[in-house]
Amino acid sequence: MFQGRVLIRRLLCYDVTLYESIQFSSAPWKVQRRCMSRESLSEAYVRTKQKCESKKLPPDVNKRAVFACNELDLKEVNVYGFDYDYTLAHYKPSMDFLLYNLGRDTLIQKHKYPAGIAELEYKPGFAVRGLHYDVEKGLLLKIDSFLQIQLGTVYRGLSPVSDEEVLRLYKNRVIPIAYVESQVKNVHDVKIKMVQLADLFSVPEMSLLCNVAEYFERNHIDYHPEILFRDVKSSVQNGHPVMHEIVEQNVSEYLEQNKDIRKFFDRLVAASKKLFLVTNSPYRFVNKGMELLVGNDWMRYFDVVIVQARKPKFFTDESRPFRIYDCESRTRLWDRVTSLEKGKVYYEGTVKQLQDMTGWRGEQVLYFGDHPYSDLADVTLEHGWRTGAIINELTHEIETLNDPEFKMNCNWLQMLTQLIEDFQDCESAEDKEVVAKWMAERDDLRQKIKCVFNKQFGSVFRTYHNPTYFSRRLFRFADIYTSCVTNLLNYSVNHTFYPRRGVMPHEYTSYFV
């Protein structure tokens, strides 16, 4: 690659003698900058553009692939654990509309919000998972893995906030880590200033929050951002029991069918793997969904079934006992639980008791969930389980990545950025004007690439060039990730997932990359 880069630089120099002087100069690009005219800069741009257009586009990414953040050998895994919502069960858009409408109605009926809010409809596609809400300032925003705000993705209500106002409010683009991570670290004595909306159930919540804030702003109604946030959050959460009842009556209206789940379970059982389910959802709701997905005999696949586990407390508490849930009487029994039996349903409990009663520990356990924090963080950091994240948005993201126009734009963005980097220190006003035009083109290109994922906030996984904060946590807590758990059917139960060797900034001119 180093040789290739030298070749590109050679193309940008039009005198071999000059090129040789540049090669061995202590300040190589200064010589070249002095010789560059507007015409030669234009020539460099044209040649770089032609080279970009001649490049073969990269192959498509398989949207049903499993991606590795850490090496994972499935031969070492004897126990498979699963969350339910958005892990085994994937919901149709009708679920978002239902949760939004229930939350909106509760705001009006319980919290006495203005009746005009009833006219505010859910806006699908407005928000993406992984955004942060600033509780004090009432702003919804996207930050990257370096805790930098991505300018152009900050909203008050449904209205974008100008870059100038963002910098005035935050003083700079970097948010202090204590401001962001008090919630993640469960610091209870610190007032939470910013919360991340990290699961798909939070998407309609974000939409309701922004709709109501926009209503208040446009009607000049004074409000406290933190009070609005807490009212919306509690209203959506209070709507979940009602949602459970509605979905139970018509599961197929809300749940995506996946005919491969039974096949997946059959293969695991045939390989003598143990299976368990730990979910925050109630039994009747889970039972209706699993009957649709797997069949009426779904429980025969699971060695342990735990409902209403209250994660993440299930992974952090130590003294909360298991209770047996009687499916017939729909009551929790008071019997002491000393062992976990197949065919029974358990309520609450802790991961410590689960491990003590089953002997399932460490790297023999692979647990799948959709929430990087409440599902995956504690089990990998504290208990050494292997983890798999189910990220439903991967399907849309990869379909976008595979679009030929997107690939071409990404290639050109990389090469244009390199062109700017190589000539940014030009000295003449004429040269600086040319480079400024390149930078303006780069800004337009970055915005275009962002908007193909989501017009307001872009990709779940990237800011303009850095991973998002959501990606940072995902890659830390998940050994593997994929769009659907049944994508593992594309691999054997003895498969080893290997992460790609990432290129560090100081390596990209190496012969070996």
Protein backbone atom coordinates (compact mmCIF):
# COMPACT_ATOMS: atom_id res chain seq x y z
CA MET A 1 0.00 0.00 0.00
CA PHE A 2 2.97 2.28 0.69
CA GLN A 3 4.15 1.75 -2.86
CA GLY A 4 0.66 2.54 -4.14
CA ARG A 5 0.59 5.78 -2.24
CA VAL A 6 4.00 6.79 -3.60
CA LEU A 7 2.60 6.08 -7.07
CA ILE A 8 -0.34 8.41 -6.46
CA ARG A 9 2.02 11.13 -5.30
CA ARG A 10 4.15 10.51 -8.38
CA LEU A 11 1.09 11.13 -10.55
CA LEU A 12 0.62 14.46 -8.85
CA CYS A 13 4.17 15.58 -9.69
CA TYR A 14 4.90 16.48 -13.26
CA ASP A 15 8.66 16.58 -13.15
CA VAL A 16 10.70 13.49 -12.22
CA THR A 17 13.51 15.61 -10.87
CA LEU A 18 11.07 17.48 -8.65
CA TYR A 19 9.60 14.17 -7.46
CA GLU A 20 13.07 12.92 -6.50
CA SER A 21 13.75 16.13 -4.60
CA ILE A 22 10.46 15.71 -2.75
CA GLN A 23 11.29 12.09 -1.84
CA PHE A 24 14.38 13.09 0.10
CA SER A 25 13.42 16.52 1.39
CA SER A 26 13.06 17.00 5.15
CA ALA A 27 9.82 18.89 4.43
CA PRO A 28 8.70 16.99 1.32
CA TRP A 29 5.39 18.63 0.53
CA LYS A 30 6.65 22.20 0.91
CA VAL A 31 8.59 21.93 -2.33
CA GLN A 32 5.57 20.59 -4.14
CA ARG A 33 3.22 23.23 -2.71
CA ARG A 34 5.42 26.03 -3.97
CA CYS A 35 5.38 24.61 -7.50
CA MET A 36 1.65 24.06 -7.60
CA SER A 37 -0.53 26.42 -9.61
CA ARG A 38 -4.30 26.48 -9.90
CA GLU A 39 -3.96 24.46 -13.11
CA SER A 40 -1.77 21.80 -11.51
CA LEU A 41 -4.11 21.50 -8.53
CA SER A 42 -7.02 21.07 -10.94
CA GLU A 43 -4.99 18.44 -12.78
CA ALA A 44 -4.37 16.62 -9.48
CA TYR A 45 -8.10 16.70 -8.73
CA VAL A 46 -9.02 15.34 -12.19
CA ARG A 47 -6.47 12.54 -12.00
CA THR A 48 -7.64 11.55 -8.52
CA LYS A 49 -11.26 11.59 -9.70
CA GLN A 50 -10.39 9.42 -12.69
CA LYS A 51 -8.53 6.99 -10.47
CA CYS A 52 -11.56 6.79 -8.17
CA GLU A 53 -13.91 6.10 -11.06
CA SER A 54 -11.61 3.35 -12.33
CA LYS A 55 -11.51 1.55 -8.99
CA LYS A 56 -13.46 -1.66 -8.71
CA LEU A 57 -16.24 -1.34 -6.17
CA PRO A 58 -15.97 -3.59 -3.11
CA PRO A 59 -18.17 -6.72 -3.02
CA ASP A 60 -21.51 -6.66 -1.27
CA VAL A 61 -21.76 -7.48 2.44
CA ASN A 62 -23.98 -10.42 3.31
CA LYS A 63 -26.83 -8.97 5.37
CA ARG A 64 -27.36 -12.35 7.04
CA ALA A 65 -23.76 -12.66 8.17
CA VAL A 66 -22.54 -12.81 11.75
CA PHE A 67 -19.83 -10.25 12.57
CA ALA A 68 -17.13 -10.78 15.19
CA CYS A 69 -15.78 -8.18 17.61
CA ASN A 70 -13.86 -10.82 19.52
CA GLU A 71 -12.78 -14.35 18.64
CA LEU A 72 -15.51 -16.84 19.54
CA ASP A 73 -15.20 -20.62 19.22
CA LEU A 74 -18.67 -22.19 19.32
CA LYS A 75 -17.13 -25.55 20.21
CA GLU A 76 -16.52 -24.10 23.67
CA VAL A 77 -20.17 -23.04 24.07
CA ASN A 78 -22.42 -25.58 25.79
CA VAL A 79 -25.22 -23.26 26.91
CA TYR A 80 -27.21 -20.79 24.80
CA GLY A 81 -29.24 -18.08 26.52
CA PHE A 82 -31.72 -15.68 24.95
CA ASP A 83 -33.60 -12.51 25.66
CA TYR A 84 -37.10 -12.39 24.10
CA ASP A 85 -38.04 -8.92 22.83
CA TYR A 86 -36.14 -7.92 19.68
CA THR A 87 -33.92 -10.99 20.11
CA LEU A 88 -36.15 -13.99 19.44
CA ALA A 89 -39.18 -11.82 18.70
CA HIS A 90 -38.95 -9.05 16.10
CA TYR A 91 -41.85 -6.63 15.84
CA LYS A 92 -43.60 -5.00 12.93
CA PRO A 93 -43.88 -1.19 12.65
CA SER A 94 -47.38 -1.52 14.14
CA MET A 95 -45.70 -2.05 17.53
CA ASP A 96 -44.08 1.40 17.38
CA PHE A 97 -47.42 3.02 16.54
CA LEU A 98 -49.11 1.16 19.39
CA LEU A 99 -46.54 2.18 22.03
CA TYR A 100 -46.53 5.77 20.78
CA ASN A 101 -50.34 6.06 20.89
CA LEU A 102 -50.56 4.49 24.35
CA GLY A 103 -47.89 6.85 25.69
CA ARG A 104 -49.53 9.90 24.10
CA ASP A 105 -52.94 9.01 25.54
CA THR A 106 -51.44 8.54 29.01
CA LEU A 107 -49.80 11.96 28.84
CA ILE A 108 -53.20 13.52 28.21
CA GLN A 109 -55.32 11.41 30.56
CA LYS A 110 -52.96 10.94 33.51
CA HIS A 111 -50.59 13.91 33.32
CA LYS A 112 -53.18 16.35 31.93
CA TYR A 113 -51.12 17.49 28.97
CA PRO A 114 -52.91 19.73 26.39
CA ALA A 115 -55.63 17.97 24.40
CA GLY A 116 -54.03 19.22 21.19
CA ILE A 117 -51.30 16.63 21.67
CA ALA A 118 -53.84 13.98 20.61
CA GLU A 119 -53.39 15.22 17.04
CA LEU A 120 -49.65 14.52 17.05
CA GLU A 121 -49.03 11.38 15.00
CA TYR A 122 -46.09 9.01 15.23
CA LYS A 123 -43.34 9.84 12.76
CA PRO A 124 -41.67 6.62 11.63
CA GLY A 125 -38.08 7.10 10.54
CA PHE A 126 -37.51 10.27 12.55
CA ALA A 127 -35.14 8.83 15.16
CA VAL A 128 -32.65 5.98 15.36
CA ARG A 129 -31.50 3.86 18.23
CA GLY A 130 -28.48 4.97 20.26
CA LEU A 131 -29.20 8.71 20.48
CA HIS A 132 -28.70 10.65 23.70
CA TYR A 133 -31.23 12.95 25.33
CA ASP A 134 -29.85 15.86 27.34
CA VAL A 135 -32.23 15.98 30.28
CA GLU A 136 -31.21 19.50 31.30
CA LYS A 137 -31.19 21.16 27.89
CA GLY A 138 -34.00 19.19 26.26
CA LEU A 139 -31.95 18.20 23.22
CA LEU A 140 -31.81 14.93 21.32
CA LEU A 141 -28.36 14.38 19.84
CA LYS A 142 -25.89 11.89 18.44
CA ILE A 143 -22.38 11.51 19.81
CA ASP A 144 -19.44 9.47 18.63
CA SER A 145 -17.03 7.09 20.35
CA PHE A 146 -14.85 10.05 21.40
CA LEU A 147 -17.85 11.73 23.08
CA GLN A 148 -17.94 14.36 20.33
CA ILE A 149 -21.27 15.78 19.25
CA GLN A 150 -21.99 15.18 15.57
CA LEU A 151 -22.98 18.65 14.45
CA GLY A 152 -26.09 18.61 12.30
CA THR A 153 -27.69 15.88 14.42
CA VAL A 154 -28.91 17.94 17.38
CA TYR A 155 -32.66 18.49 17.67
CA ARG A 156 -34.97 20.43 19.96
CA GLY A 157 -38.31 18.84 19.31
CA LEU A 158 -38.48 18.21 15.57
CA SER A 159 -36.33 21.24 14.71
CA PRO A 160 -32.57 21.06 14.11
CA VAL A 161 -30.39 23.21 16.36
CA SER A 162 -27.77 25.29 14.57
CA ASP A 163 -24.11 24.45 15.02
CA GLU A 164 -23.55 27.89 16.52
CA GLU A 165 -26.17 27.33 19.23
CA VAL A 166 -24.83 23.85 19.99
CA LEU A 167 -21.33 25.22 20.54
CA ARG A 168 -22.70 28.05 22.65
CA LEU A 169 -24.65 25.62 24.86
CA TYR A 170 -21.88 23.04 25.29
CA LYS A 171 -18.85 25.37 24.99
CA ASN A 172 -17.15 22.81 22.76
CA ARG A 173 -17.97 19.65 20.80
CA VAL A 174 -16.70 17.17 23.40
CA ILE A 175 -19.05 16.16 26.22
CA PRO A 176 -17.43 15.26 29.59
CA ILE A 177 -17.48 11.52 30.24
CA ALA A 178 -19.18 11.96 33.63
CA TYR A 179 -22.00 13.79 31.85
CA VAL A 180 -22.59 10.81 29.57
CA GLU A 181 -21.76 7.70 31.55
CA SER A 182 -23.28 8.17 35.00
CA GLN A 183 -26.28 6.11 33.87
CA VAL A 184 -24.15 3.36 32.33
CA LYS A 185 -22.04 3.00 35.48
CA ASN A 186 -25.11 2.94 37.76
CA VAL A 187 -23.84 5.86 39.76
CA HIS A 188 -26.88 6.45 41.96
CA ASP A 189 -25.60 9.47 43.90
CA VAL A 190 -24.97 11.53 40.76
CA LYS A 191 -27.78 13.35 39.02
CA ILE A 192 -28.21 11.94 35.53
CA LYS A 193 -27.75 14.69 32.97
CA MET A 194 -27.90 12.64 29.80
CA VAL A 195 -29.53 9.31 28.96
CA GLN A 196 -28.99 7.04 26.00
CA LEU A 197 -31.99 5.51 24.28
CA ALA A 198 -30.34 2.22 23.44
CA ASP A 199 -33.12 -0.24 22.55
CA LEU A 200 -35.77 -0.33 19.85
CA PHE A 201 -38.61 0.15 22.33
CA SER A 202 -37.14 3.62 22.93
CA VAL A 203 -37.65 4.75 19.30
CA PRO A 204 -41.39 5.57 19.67
CA GLU A 205 -40.53 7.14 23.03
CA MET A 206 -38.07 9.49 21.30
CA SER A 207 -40.65 10.36 18.68
CA LEU A 208 -43.26 11.22 21.33
CA LEU A 209 -40.74 13.27 23.29
CA CYS A 210 -39.77 15.32 20.24
CA ASN A 211 -43.36 15.73 19.03
CA VAL A 212 -44.52 17.12 22.38
CA ALA A 213 -41.49 19.39 22.72
CA GLU A 214 -42.15 20.74 19.22
CA TYR A 215 -45.79 21.34 20.16
CA PHE A 216 -44.72 23.33 23.23
CA GLU A 217 -42.13 25.33 21.29
CA ARG A 218 -44.51 26.26 18.48
CA ASN A 219 -47.30 27.20 20.85
CA HIS A 220 -44.96 29.16 23.14
CA ILE A 221 -45.78 26.95 26.12
CA ASP A 222 -43.15 27.02 28.85
CA TYR A 223 -41.96 23.58 29.97
CA HIS A 224 -39.13 21.96 31.90
CA PRO A 225 -37.18 19.50 29.68
CA GLU A 226 -36.50 17.08 32.54
CA ILE A 227 -40.14 16.96 33.59
CA LEU A 228 -41.21 16.37 30.00
CA PHE A 229 -38.66 13.57 29.64
CA ARG A 230 -39.78 11.83 32.83
CA ASP A 231 -43.48 12.18 31.99
CA VAL A 232 -42.98 10.74 28.51
CA LYS A 233 -40.81 7.91 29.81
CA SER A 234 -43.27 6.92 32.53
CA SER A 235 -46.23 7.21 30.13
CA VAL A 236 -44.63 4.88 27.58
CA GLN A 237 -43.56 2.43 30.31
CA ASN A 238 -47.02 2.48 31.87
CA GLY A 239 -48.41 1.61 28.46
CA HIS A 240 -46.48 -1.67 28.31
CA PRO A 241 -48.98 -3.74 30.35
CA VAL A 242 -51.77 -2.52 28.06
CA MET A 243 -49.58 -3.26 25.05
CA HIS A 244 -49.04 -6.81 26.31
CA GLU A 245 -52.79 -7.40 26.54
CA ILE A 246 -53.46 -5.97 23.08
CA VAL A 247 -50.68 -8.00 21.44
CA GLU A 248 -51.81 -11.20 23.16
CA GLN A 249 -55.19 -10.84 21.43
CA ASN A 250 -53.68 -10.57 17.94
CA VAL A 251 -50.02 -11.62 17.95
CA SER A 252 -49.61 -11.85 14.17
CA GLU A 253 -50.61 -8.19 13.84
CA TYR A 254 -47.47 -7.14 15.70
CA LEU A 255 -44.95 -9.97 15.54
CA GLU A 256 -42.77 -10.82 12.53
CA GLN A 257 -42.91 -14.51 11.66
CA ASN A 258 -39.60 -16.37 11.56
CA LYS A 259 -39.94 -19.96 10.43
CA ASP A 260 -36.26 -20.67 11.03
CA ILE A 261 -36.35 -20.35 14.82
CA ARG A 262 -37.65 -23.88 15.40
CA LYS A 263 -35.03 -25.24 13.02
CA PHE A 264 -32.37 -23.30 14.93
CA PHE A 265 -33.51 -24.70 18.28
CA ASP A 266 -33.67 -28.22 16.84
CA ARG A 267 -30.08 -28.00 15.73
CA LEU A 268 -28.87 -26.76 19.12
CA VAL A 269 -30.74 -29.51 20.98
CA ALA A 270 -29.42 -32.14 18.56
CA ALA A 271 -25.90 -30.91 19.38
CA SER A 272 -26.64 -31.46 23.12
CA LYS A 273 -26.64 -27.74 23.91
CA LYS A 274 -28.58 -26.38 26.89
CA LEU A 275 -31.00 -23.48 26.28
CA PHE A 276 -32.44 -20.89 28.63
CA LEU A 277 -34.61 -17.78 28.34
CA VAL A 278 -34.29 -14.64 30.50
CA THR A 279 -36.74 -11.86 29.66
CA ASN A 280 -38.30 -8.84 31.33
CA SER A 281 -41.63 -9.55 29.65
CA PRO A 282 -44.50 -11.41 31.40
CA TYR A 283 -45.17 -15.08 30.75
CA ARG A 284 -48.51 -14.82 28.90
CA PHE A 285 -47.07 -12.28 26.48
CA VAL A 286 -43.99 -14.40 25.83
CA ASN A 287 -46.03 -17.59 25.56
CA LYS A 288 -48.31 -16.16 22.86
CA GLY A 289 -45.35 -14.97 20.84
CA MET A 290 -43.38 -18.20 21.17
CA GLU A 291 -46.41 -20.25 20.19
CA LEU A 292 -46.55 -18.26 16.95
CA LEU A 293 -42.80 -18.44 16.34
CA VAL A 294 -42.04 -21.99 17.46
CA GLY A 295 -45.26 -23.83 18.27
CA ASN A 296 -47.30 -24.79 21.31
CA ASP A 297 -44.50 -27.05 22.53
CA TRP A 298 -41.88 -24.29 22.59
CA MET A 299 -40.98 -24.82 26.25
CA ARG A 300 -39.59 -28.29 25.56
CA TYR A 301 -36.56 -26.64 23.98
CA PHE A 302 -35.62 -24.67 27.10
CA ASP A 303 -33.98 -26.07 30.21
CA VAL A 304 -34.75 -22.88 32.17
CA VAL A 305 -37.38 -20.18 31.52
CA ILE A 306 -37.25 -16.94 33.54
CA VAL A 307 -39.80 -14.14 33.01
CA GLN A 308 -40.11 -10.63 34.44
CA ALA A 309 -36.43 -10.86 35.36
CA ARG A 310 -36.12 -7.08 35.76
CA LYS A 311 -32.83 -6.80 33.92
CA PRO A 312 -30.35 -5.28 34.52
CA LYS A 313 -31.10 -5.94 38.22
CA PHE A 314 -31.22 -9.65 37.40
CA PHE A 315 -27.50 -9.39 36.60
CA THR A 316 -26.51 -7.07 39.48
CA ASP A 317 -28.65 -8.02 42.51
CA GLU A 318 -27.55 -10.90 44.71
CA SER A 319 -30.34 -11.54 47.22
CA ARG A 320 -33.55 -11.54 45.19
CA PRO A 321 -34.99 -15.10 45.24
CA PHE A 322 -36.51 -17.02 42.36
CA ARG A 323 -40.24 -17.64 42.53
CA ILE A 324 -42.21 -20.26 40.62
CA TYR A 325 -44.85 -18.83 38.32
CA ASP A 326 -48.01 -20.95 38.12
CA CYS A 327 -49.16 -20.66 34.51
CA GLU A 328 -52.65 -21.98 35.24
CA SER A 329 -53.56 -19.73 38.16
CA ARG A 330 -51.32 -16.89 36.89
CA THR A 331 -49.85 -16.45 40.35
CA ARG A 332 -46.40 -16.54 41.89
CA LEU A 333 -45.91 -19.30 44.45
CA TRP A 334 -44.15 -18.87 47.78
CA ASP A 335 -42.29 -22.21 47.64
CA ARG A 336 -38.54 -22.08 48.23
CA VAL A 337 -36.67 -22.66 44.95
CA THR A 338 -33.55 -24.80 45.41
CA SER A 339 -33.18 -26.03 41.84
CA LEU A 340 -34.31 -24.94 38.40
CA GLU A 341 -36.39 -27.56 36.60
CA LYS A 342 -37.22 -27.95 32.95
CA GLY A 343 -40.91 -27.31 32.18
CA LYS A 344 -41.39 -24.77 34.97
CA VAL A 345 -41.51 -21.00 34.66
CA TYR A 346 -39.56 -18.84 37.11
CA TYR A 347 -40.02 -15.23 38.10
CA GLU A 348 -37.29 -12.69 39.00
CA GLY A 349 -34.20 -14.24 40.66
CA THR A 350 -30.56 -13.36 39.92
CA VAL A 351 -27.82 -14.51 37.60
CA LYS A 352 -25.78 -15.63 40.64
CA GLN A 353 -28.51 -18.08 41.63
CA LEU A 354 -28.89 -19.19 38.02
CA GLN A 355 -25.20 -20.03 37.88
CA ASP A 356 -25.15 -21.68 41.31
CA MET A 357 -28.15 -23.90 40.57
CA THR A 358 -27.11 -24.94 37.07
CA GLY A 359 -23.33 -24.78 37.10
CA TRP A 360 -23.43 -22.75 33.85
CA ARG A 361 -20.50 -20.38 34.10
CA GLY A 362 -17.99 -18.40 32.12
CA GLU A 363 -17.13 -19.06 28.51
CA GLN A 364 -19.41 -22.08 28.16
CA VAL A 365 -22.38 -19.67 28.15
CA LEU A 366 -23.33 -17.59 25.10
CA TYR A 367 -26.13 -15.10 25.78
CA PHE A 368 -28.00 -13.16 23.10
CA GLY A 369 -29.77 -9.84 23.66
CA ASP A 370 -30.59 -6.63 21.84
CA HIS A 371 -29.56 -4.12 24.52
CA PRO A 372 -25.78 -3.62 24.88
CA TYR A 373 -26.10 -2.53 28.53
CA SER A 374 -29.00 -4.23 30.27
CA ASP A 375 -28.51 -7.52 28.38
CA LEU A 376 -24.80 -7.84 27.72
CA ALA A 377 -22.57 -5.55 29.79
CA ASP A 378 -22.72 -7.19 33.22
CA VAL A 379 -22.66 -10.80 32.04
CA THR A 380 -19.49 -10.25 30.04
CA LEU A 381 -17.70 -7.89 32.45
CA GLU A 382 -18.66 -9.55 35.73
CA HIS A 383 -19.36 -13.17 34.84
CA GLY A 384 -17.25 -13.89 31.78
CA TRP A 385 -20.11 -15.07 29.58
CA ARG A 386 -19.75 -14.83 25.83
CA THR A 387 -22.28 -12.49 24.26
CA GLY A 388 -24.13 -11.95 21.00
CA ALA A 389 -25.99 -8.75 20.11
CA ILE A 390 -29.05 -8.86 17.87
CA ILE A 391 -29.19 -5.57 15.98
CA ASN A 392 -32.23 -5.49 13.74
CA GLU A 393 -31.12 -2.26 12.00
CA LEU A 394 -28.19 -4.10 10.41
CA THR A 395 -30.44 -5.23 7.57
CA HIS A 396 -31.20 -1.65 6.49
CA GLU A 397 -27.63 -0.48 7.12
CA ILE A 398 -26.08 -3.26 5.03
CA GLU A 399 -28.59 -2.81 2.21
CA THR A 400 -27.49 0.83 2.13
CA LEU A 401 -23.81 -0.10 2.22
CA ASN A 402 -24.34 -2.40 -0.76
CA ASP A 403 -25.80 0.31 -2.98
CA PRO A 404 -23.32 1.03 -5.84
CA GLU A 405 -23.83 4.80 -5.59
CA PHE A 406 -23.07 4.70 -1.87
CA LYS A 407 -19.90 2.68 -2.48
CA MET A 408 -18.76 5.13 -5.15
CA ASN A 409 -19.44 8.11 -2.87
CA CYS A 410 -17.47 6.50 -0.03
CA ASN A 411 -14.52 5.80 -2.32
CA TRP A 412 -14.52 9.36 -3.58
CA LEU A 413 -14.85 10.76 -0.05
CA GLN A 414 -11.74 8.85 1.02
CA MET A 415 -9.69 9.95 -1.98
CA LEU A 416 -10.90 13.55 -1.83
CA THR A 417 -10.01 13.68 1.87
CA GLN A 418 -6.52 12.40 1.05
CA LEU A 419 -6.20 15.06 -1.63
CA ILE A 420 -7.16 17.77 0.86
CA GLU A 421 -4.78 16.37 3.46
CA ASP A 422 -1.86 16.39 1.03
CA PHE A 423 -2.42 19.96 -0.20
CA GLN A 424 -4.02 21.69 2.80
CA ASP A 425 -0.82 23.58 3.68
CA CYS A 426 -0.60 25.42 0.39
CA GLU A 427 0.62 29.01 0.74
CA SER A 428 -0.85 31.11 -2.04
CA ALA A 429 -4.34 32.60 -1.85
CA GLU A 430 -5.13 31.05 -5.23
CA ASP A 431 -4.22 27.56 -3.98
CA LYS A 432 -6.17 28.02 -0.76
CA GLU A 433 -9.26 28.93 -2.75
CA VAL A 434 -9.04 25.66 -4.68
CA VAL A 435 -8.59 23.59 -1.51
CA ALA A 436 -11.54 25.42 0.07
CA LYS A 437 -13.73 24.29 -2.83
CA TRP A 438 -12.55 20.71 -2.27
CA MET A 439 -13.48 20.99 1.41
CA ALA A 440 -16.93 22.31 0.55
CA GLU A 441 -17.42 19.36 -1.80
CA ARG A 442 -16.28 17.03 0.98
CA ASP A 443 -18.83 18.52 3.40
CA ASP A 444 -21.63 18.04 0.85
CA LEU A 445 -20.52 14.47 0.22
CA ARG A 446 -20.45 13.60 3.92
CA GLN A 447 -23.94 14.99 4.37
CA LYS A 448 -25.20 12.99 1.39
CA ILE A 449 -23.70 9.77 2.78
CA LYS A 450 -25.22 10.45 6.19
CA CYS A 451 -28.74 11.10 4.92
CA VAL A 452 -29.10 7.82 3.02
CA PHE A 453 -29.30 6.02 6.38
CA ASN A 454 -31.56 8.49 8.18
CA LYS A 455 -32.24 12.07 7.12
CA GLN A 456 -31.97 13.48 10.63
CA PHE A 457 -29.36 11.37 12.39
CA GLY A 458 -27.61 9.18 9.84
CA SER A 459 -26.25 5.72 10.59
CA VAL A 460 -26.76 3.91 13.90
CA PHE A 461 -23.11 2.83 13.75
CA ARG A 462 -21.21 5.85 12.42
CA THR A 463 -20.93 9.57 12.66
CA TYR A 464 -19.23 11.13 9.64
CA HIS A 465 -16.01 9.15 10.13
CA ASN A 466 -15.96 7.78 13.69
CA PRO A 467 -17.99 4.97 15.24
CA THR A 468 -20.95 6.20 17.28
CA TYR A 469 -21.05 5.94 21.04
CA PHE A 470 -23.57 3.13 20.55
CA SER A 471 -21.04 1.25 18.38
CA ARG A 472 -18.32 1.76 20.96
CA ARG A 473 -20.39 0.08 23.66
CA LEU A 474 -21.67 -2.59 21.29
CA PHE A 475 -18.15 -3.60 20.23
CA ARG A 476 -17.02 -3.63 23.87
CA PHE A 477 -19.81 -5.80 25.24
CA ALA A 478 -20.65 -8.11 22.31
CA ASP A 479 -18.36 -10.86 21.03
CA ILE A 480 -20.51 -11.21 17.91
CA TYR A 481 -23.44 -9.33 16.44
CA THR A 482 -25.95 -9.95 13.68
CA SER A 483 -29.39 -8.84 12.50
CA CYS A 484 -31.26 -12.01 13.53
CA VAL A 485 -30.37 -14.92 15.79
CA THR A 486 -31.29 -17.48 13.12
CA ASN A 487 -28.45 -16.15 10.95
CA LEU A 488 -26.34 -18.60 12.94
CA LEU A 489 -27.92 -21.34 10.84
CA ASN A 490 -25.46 -20.27 8.14
CA TYR A 491 -22.64 -21.58 10.36
CA SER A 492 -21.98 -24.91 12.05
CA VAL A 493 -22.25 -25.34 15.82
CA ASN A 494 -18.45 -25.77 15.80
CA HIS A 495 -17.70 -22.61 13.87
CA THR A 496 -15.10 -20.13 15.10
CA PHE A 497 -15.78 -16.44 14.46
CA TYR A 498 -12.64 -14.40 13.89
CA PRO A 499 -12.59 -10.60 14.10
CA ARG A 500 -11.00 -8.67 11.27
CA ARG A 501 -7.56 -7.28 11.94
CA GLY A 502 -8.31 -3.59 12.34
CA VAL A 503 -5.97 -1.05 10.78
CA MET A 504 -4.57 1.46 13.24
CA PRO A 505 -3.76 4.96 12.01
CA HIS A 506 0.01 4.38 12.05
CA GLU A 507 -0.32 1.15 10.04
CA TYR A 508 -2.12 2.18 6.87
CA THR A 509 1.04 2.66 4.80
CA SER A 510 2.45 -0.69 5.89
CA TYR A 511 3.33 -3.37 3.35
CA PHE A 512 1.26 -5.83 5.38
CA VAL A 513 -2.10 -4.02 5.36
